[in-house]
């Protein structure tokens, strides 16, 4: 998919709070640069530092224009993420994407379980 983003005139990069060496079990074979921010300077400056979670970064997407201005920003949650296909569509001139739920909310599970019990 990285080639498709390049064809749309977009360059990808990721920022990680991890130290220079990749964590055990994590391959560093991305098709785009992985920028390290072990001091969390960029992560803090962009409002993504999550102190309550041991200093990890909130997942987020930032779209910078050629002029280095932020054109699109979305702070994600662990349950809601941007789909790469939606971001690619935006790169090709489509509408701004909305996060998609990766798994149901607890209330959704409860409704499904209650509904399933009525069918028996």
C-alpha atoms as a PDB file:
ATOM      1  CA  UNK A   1       0.000   0.000   0.000  1.00  0.00           C
ATOM      2  CA  UNK A   2       2.994   2.334   0.501  1.00  0.00           C
ATOM      3  CA  UNK A   3       3.485   2.379  -3.288  1.00  0.00           C
ATOM      4  CA  UNK A   4      -0.129   3.485  -3.752  1.00  0.00           C
ATOM      5  CA  UNK A   5       0.408   6.375  -1.329  1.00  0.00           C
ATOM      6  CA  UNK A   6       3.573   7.385  -3.214  1.00  0.00           C
ATOM      7  CA  UNK A   7       1.659   7.269  -6.513  1.00  0.00           C
ATOM      8  CA  UNK A   8      -0.898   9.642  -4.952  1.00  0.00           C
ATOM      9  CA  UNK A   9       1.933  12.090  -4.195  1.00  0.00           C
ATOM     10  CA  UNK A  10       2.069  11.304  -0.486  1.00  0.00           C
ATOM     11  CA  UNK A  11       5.057  10.317   1.626  1.00  0.00           C
ATOM     12  CA  UNK A  12       4.516   8.294   4.801  1.00  0.00           C
ATOM     13  CA  UNK A  13       6.466   8.320   8.063  1.00  0.00           C
ATOM     14  CA  UNK A  14       5.828   7.063  11.586  1.00  0.00           C
ATOM     15  CA  UNK A  15       6.955   8.498  14.910  1.00  0.00           C
ATOM     16  CA  UNK A  16       7.712   6.134  17.783  1.00  0.00           C
ATOM     17  CA  UNK A  17       8.594   6.826  21.406  1.00  0.00           C
ATOM     18  CA  UNK A  18      10.685   3.654  21.458  1.00  0.00           C
ATOM     19  CA  UNK A  19      14.469   3.768  21.781  1.00  0.00           C
ATOM     20  CA  UNK A  20      16.637   3.421  18.671  1.00  0.00           C
ATOM     21  CA  UNK A  21      16.668  -0.372  18.789  1.00  0.00           C
ATOM     22  CA  UNK A  22      13.381  -1.989  17.825  1.00  0.00           C
ATOM     23  CA  UNK A  23      11.622  -3.659  20.763  1.00  0.00           C
ATOM     24  CA  UNK A  24      12.006  -7.431  21.013  1.00  0.00           C
ATOM     25  CA  UNK A  25       9.687  -9.169  18.590  1.00  0.00           C
ATOM     26  CA  UNK A  26       9.012  -6.070  16.480  1.00  0.00           C
ATOM     27  CA  UNK A  27      10.316  -6.141  12.945  1.00  0.00           C
ATOM     28  CA  UNK A  28      11.465  -2.829  11.501  1.00  0.00           C
ATOM     29  CA  UNK A  29      10.595  -3.648   7.914  1.00  0.00           C
ATOM     30  CA  UNK A  30       8.199  -0.778   7.244  1.00  0.00           C
ATOM     31  CA  UNK A  31       7.898   0.547   3.714  1.00  0.00           C
ATOM     32  CA  UNK A  32       8.289   4.066   5.131  1.00  0.00           C
ATOM     33  CA  UNK A  33      10.642   5.796   7.595  1.00  0.00           C
ATOM     34  CA  UNK A  34      10.202   5.086  11.302  1.00  0.00           C
ATOM     35  CA  UNK A  35      11.286   8.211  13.186  1.00  0.00           C
ATOM     36  CA  UNK A  36      12.320   7.712  16.807  1.00  0.00           C
ATOM     37  CA  UNK A  37      11.340  10.158  19.559  1.00  0.00           C
ATOM     38  CA  UNK A  38      12.590   8.447  22.756  1.00  0.00           C
ATOM     39  CA  UNK A  39      12.475  11.751  24.690  1.00  0.00           C
ATOM     40  CA  UNK A  40       8.865  12.262  23.520  1.00  0.00           C
ATOM     41  CA  UNK A  41       9.588  15.845  22.452  1.00  0.00           C
ATOM     42  CA  UNK A  42       7.482  15.681  19.271  1.00  0.00           C
ATOM     43  CA  UNK A  43       4.865  13.505  20.944  1.00  0.00           C
ATOM     44  CA  UNK A  44       4.466  16.069  23.751  1.00  0.00           C
ATOM     45  CA  UNK A  45       4.507  19.051  21.362  1.00  0.00           C
ATOM     46  CA  UNK A  46       1.685  17.515  19.338  1.00  0.00           C
ATOM     47  CA  UNK A  47      -0.393  16.760  22.450  1.00  0.00           C
ATOM     48  CA  UNK A  48      -0.079  12.980  22.141  1.00  0.00           C
ATOM     49  CA  UNK A  49       1.746  12.129  25.377  1.00  0.00           C
ATOM     50  CA  UNK A  50      -0.385   9.841  27.564  1.00  0.00           C
ATOM     51  CA  UNK A  51       1.078  10.170  31.080  1.00  0.00           C
ATOM     52  CA  UNK A  52      -1.612   7.986  32.682  1.00  0.00           C
ATOM     53  CA  UNK A  53      -0.541   5.073  30.466  1.00  0.00           C
ATOM     54  CA  UNK A  54       3.111   5.122  31.438  1.00  0.00           C
ATOM     55  CA  UNK A  55       4.131   7.776  28.953  1.00  0.00           C
ATOM     56  CA  UNK A  56       3.071   6.051  25.756  1.00  0.00           C
ATOM     57  CA  UNK A  57       1.776   8.078  22.857  1.00  0.00           C
ATOM     58  CA  UNK A  58      -1.843   8.279  21.785  1.00  0.00           C
ATOM     59  CA  UNK A  59      -2.193   6.813  18.293  1.00  0.00           C
ATOM     60  CA  UNK A  60      -2.734   9.588  15.770  1.00  0.00           C
ATOM     61  CA  UNK A  61      -2.599  10.545  12.105  1.00  0.00           C
ATOM     62  CA  UNK A  62      -1.190  13.881  10.942  1.00  0.00           C
ATOM     63  CA  UNK A  63      -1.285  14.930   7.317  1.00  0.00           C
ATOM     64  CA  UNK A  64       1.287  17.591   6.482  1.00  0.00           C
ATOM     65  CA  UNK A  65       1.185  19.570   3.282  1.00  0.00           C
ATOM     66  CA  UNK A  66       4.210  20.390   1.152  1.00  0.00           C
ATOM     67  CA  UNK A  67       4.349  23.684   3.097  1.00  0.00           C
ATOM     68  CA  UNK A  68       4.698  21.624   6.340  1.00  0.00           C
ATOM     69  CA  UNK A  69       1.342  22.810   7.680  1.00  0.00           C
ATOM     70  CA  UNK A  70      -1.040  20.316   9.218  1.00  0.00           C
ATOM     71  CA  UNK A  71      -3.829  19.657   6.709  1.00  0.00           C
ATOM     72  CA  UNK A  72      -5.554  16.884   8.652  1.00  0.00           C
ATOM     73  CA  UNK A  73      -5.159  15.561  12.194  1.00  0.00           C
ATOM     74  CA  UNK A  74      -6.973  12.817  14.039  1.00  0.00           C
ATOM     75  CA  UNK A  75      -6.162  11.407  17.452  1.00  0.00           C
ATOM     76  CA  UNK A  76      -7.252   7.815  17.466  1.00  0.00           C
ATOM     77  CA  UNK A  77      -8.174   5.445  20.261  1.00  0.00           C
ATOM     78  CA  UNK A  78      -7.249   1.826  20.713  1.00  0.00           C
ATOM     79  CA  UNK A  79     -10.743   0.875  19.513  1.00  0.00           C
ATOM     80  CA  UNK A  80     -11.177   3.409  16.694  1.00  0.00           C
ATOM     81  CA  UNK A  81      -8.648   3.806  13.912  1.00  0.00           C
ATOM     82  CA  UNK A  82      -8.413   5.291  10.450  1.00  0.00           C
ATOM     83  CA  UNK A  83      -8.485   2.724   7.685  1.00  0.00           C
ATOM     84  CA  UNK A  84      -5.511   2.979   5.312  1.00  0.00           C
ATOM     85  CA  UNK A  85      -7.866   2.696   2.330  1.00  0.00           C
ATOM     86  CA  UNK A  86      -9.817   5.763   3.547  1.00  0.00           C
ATOM     87  CA  UNK A  87      -6.589   7.737   3.985  1.00  0.00           C
ATOM     88  CA  UNK A  88      -5.495   6.710   0.498  1.00  0.00           C
ATOM     89  CA  UNK A  89      -8.835   7.895  -0.899  1.00  0.00           C
ATOM     90  CA  UNK A  90      -8.253  11.265   0.807  1.00  0.00           C
ATOM     91  CA  UNK A  91      -4.745  11.422  -0.711  1.00  0.00           C
ATOM     92  CA  UNK A  92      -6.365  10.952  -4.101  1.00  0.00           C
ATOM     93  CA  UNK A  93      -8.672  13.920  -3.495  1.00  0.00           C
ATOM     94  CA  UNK A  94     -11.527  12.221  -1.653  1.00  0.00           C
ATOM     95  CA  UNK A  95     -13.362  13.244   1.489  1.00  0.00           C
ATOM     96  CA  UNK A  96     -11.764  13.370   4.919  1.00  0.00           C
ATOM     97  CA  UNK A  97     -12.066   9.978   6.592  1.00  0.00           C
ATOM     98  CA  UNK A  98     -13.673   9.212   9.923  1.00  0.00           C
ATOM     99  CA  UNK A  99     -12.296   6.673  12.382  1.00  0.00           C
ATOM    100  CA  UNK A 100     -13.803   3.204  12.225  1.00  0.00           C
ATOM    101  CA  UNK A 101     -14.571   1.080  15.237  1.00  0.00           C
ATOM    102  CA  UNK A 102     -12.285  -1.963  15.412  1.00  0.00           C
ATOM    103  CA  UNK A 103     -14.383  -3.872  17.928  1.00  0.00           C
ATOM    104  CA  UNK A 104     -17.809  -3.370  19.528  1.00  0.00           C
ATOM    105  CA  UNK A 105     -18.363  -1.291  22.630  1.00  0.00           C
ATOM    106  CA  UNK A 106     -19.243  -3.132  25.837  1.00  0.00           C
ATOM    107  CA  UNK A 107     -22.860  -1.957  25.528  1.00  0.00           C
ATOM    108  CA  UNK A 108     -22.990  -3.429  21.991  1.00  0.00           C
ATOM    109  CA  UNK A 109     -21.841  -6.791  23.346  1.00  0.00           C
ATOM    110  CA  UNK A 110     -24.554  -6.659  26.026  1.00  0.00           C
ATOM    111  CA  UNK A 111     -27.286  -5.900  23.459  1.00  0.00           C
ATOM    112  CA  UNK A 112     -26.056  -8.707  21.218  1.00  0.00           C
ATOM    113  CA  UNK A 113     -26.000 -11.193  24.090  1.00  0.00           C
ATOM    114  CA  UNK A 114     -29.492 -10.175  25.232  1.00  0.00           C
ATOM    115  CA  UNK A 115     -30.834 -10.414  21.669  1.00  0.00           C
ATOM    116  CA  UNK A 116     -29.176 -13.804  21.198  1.00  0.00           C
ATOM    117  CA  UNK A 117     -30.822 -15.106  24.372  1.00  0.00           C
ATOM    118  CA  UNK A 118     -34.291 -14.159  23.069  1.00  0.00           C
ATOM    119  CA  UNK A 119     -33.890 -16.268  19.941  1.00  0.00           C
ATOM    120  CA  UNK A 120     -33.564 -19.556  21.820  1.00  0.00           C
END
